[in-house]
Protein backbone atom coordinates (compact mmCIF):
# COMPACT_ATOMS: atom_id res chain seq x y z
CA MET A 1 -76.07 107.23 23.93
CA PRO A 2 -77.22 109.91 21.44
CA GLU A 3 -79.93 112.31 22.51
CA MET A 4 -83.35 111.67 21.03
CA ASP A 5 -85.20 114.63 19.66
CA SER A 6 -88.66 114.53 21.23
CA GLU A 7 -90.00 116.93 18.63
CA ARG A 8 -91.80 115.57 15.58
CA PRO A 9 -89.78 116.05 12.39
CA CYS A 10 -92.72 117.95 10.91
CA THR A 11 -92.69 120.71 13.49
CA ARG A 12 -89.22 122.03 12.75
CA TYR A 13 -89.25 125.60 11.50
CA GLU A 14 -87.32 124.87 8.29
CA ASP A 15 -89.94 122.28 7.20
CA GLN A 16 -92.91 124.63 7.46
CA ASP A 17 -92.80 126.10 3.94
CA MET A 18 -91.12 123.25 2.09
CA ARG A 19 -92.80 121.45 -0.77
CA THR A 20 -93.10 117.67 -0.66
CA SER A 21 -91.34 117.45 -4.03
CA ASP A 22 -88.33 119.31 -2.55
CA ALA A 23 -87.65 116.47 -0.10
CA TYR A 24 -88.98 113.38 -1.89
CA LYS A 25 -89.29 112.09 -5.43
CA THR A 26 -92.97 112.56 -6.22
CA ASN A 27 -95.25 111.60 -9.08
CA ASN A 28 -98.28 113.57 -10.29
CA LEU A 29 -99.00 115.37 -7.00
CA PRO A 30 -101.78 117.99 -6.91
CA PHE A 31 -101.05 121.36 -5.31
CA ARG A 32 -102.69 120.42 -2.00
CA PHE A 33 -100.32 117.47 -1.44
CA ASP A 34 -97.20 119.27 -2.66
CA HIS A 35 -97.80 122.25 -0.33
CA PRO A 36 -98.86 120.78 3.05
CA SER A 37 -98.43 124.12 4.85
CA LYS A 38 -101.46 125.43 2.91
CA TRP A 39 -103.86 122.84 4.42
CA ASN A 40 -106.65 123.81 6.78
CA TYR A 41 -106.17 120.78 8.98
CA GLY A 42 -108.25 121.88 11.99
CA ASN A 43 -111.51 120.42 10.68
CA CYS A 44 -110.22 116.88 10.24
CA VAL A 45 -111.22 114.73 13.23
CA PHE A 46 -109.04 111.66 12.73
CA ASN A 47 -105.67 113.44 12.62
CA ALA A 48 -106.31 116.78 14.33
CA SER A 49 -104.36 115.64 17.39
CA ASP A 50 -101.32 114.77 15.26
CA GLY A 51 -100.72 118.39 14.38
CA PRO A 52 -100.57 120.03 10.98
CA PRO A 53 -99.61 117.95 7.96
CA CYS A 54 -96.05 118.25 6.74
CA ILE A 55 -93.87 117.01 3.90
CA HIS A 56 -93.15 113.79 5.78
CA THR A 57 -96.84 112.82 6.13
CA MET A 58 -98.03 113.66 2.60
CA PRO A 59 -98.50 110.91 -0.02
CA LEU A 60 -95.81 110.70 -2.70
CA THR A 61 -98.05 109.59 -5.58
CA TYR A 62 -101.56 110.51 -6.62
CA HIS A 63 -103.82 108.41 -8.81
CA THR A 64 -107.12 109.86 -10.00
CA ARG A 65 -110.25 107.73 -9.96
CA ASN A 66 -112.38 106.81 -12.91
CA HIS A 67 -115.71 108.66 -12.72
CA LYS A 68 -117.44 106.58 -15.38
CA TYR A 69 -119.79 104.85 -12.89
CA TRP A 70 -120.93 108.12 -11.30
CA GLU A 71 -121.38 109.82 -14.67
CA HIS A 72 -123.74 107.00 -15.67
CA LEU A 73 -125.74 107.32 -12.43
CA SER A 74 -126.05 111.07 -12.82
CA SER A 75 -127.56 110.64 -16.28
CA VAL A 76 -130.05 107.83 -15.49
CA GLY A 77 -130.66 108.38 -11.77
CA MET A 78 -130.30 106.14 -8.75
CA TYR A 79 -132.14 102.82 -8.51
CA ARG A 80 -135.61 103.15 -6.97
CA ASN A 81 -137.55 100.25 -5.54
CA ARG A 82 -141.14 100.90 -6.56
CA GLY A 83 -142.47 97.79 -4.84
CA PHE A 84 -145.44 97.93 -2.49
CA ASN A 85 -144.81 96.87 1.11
CA THR A 86 -147.52 94.35 2.02
CA ALA A 87 -145.87 92.87 5.12
CA ILE A 88 -147.78 93.07 8.40
CA ASP A 89 -146.07 95.11 11.09
CA ARG A 90 -145.93 93.25 14.39
CA ALA A 91 -145.84 95.54 17.39
CA GLY A 92 -143.58 94.52 20.28
CA ALA A 93 -141.74 91.80 18.40
């Protein structure tokens, strides 16, 4: 039976300074995803226990979002309800 390496593949020394595009075929990756060793991962709550990000955990494609909706809101402002609250508050209900 072959020995299993208990170490995560991301923690090997030779993977520390690799770019994601060196190991995988990538498409339109920003700098932060192509260089996972540059991340400040300590502030992220959901994956802080997994260790630092590496080339094997980075996404391979990146698709930007359309900001048209938010540009419209920034120009006209958020919806405001200007109604008058006439309901009677019932204490202890």
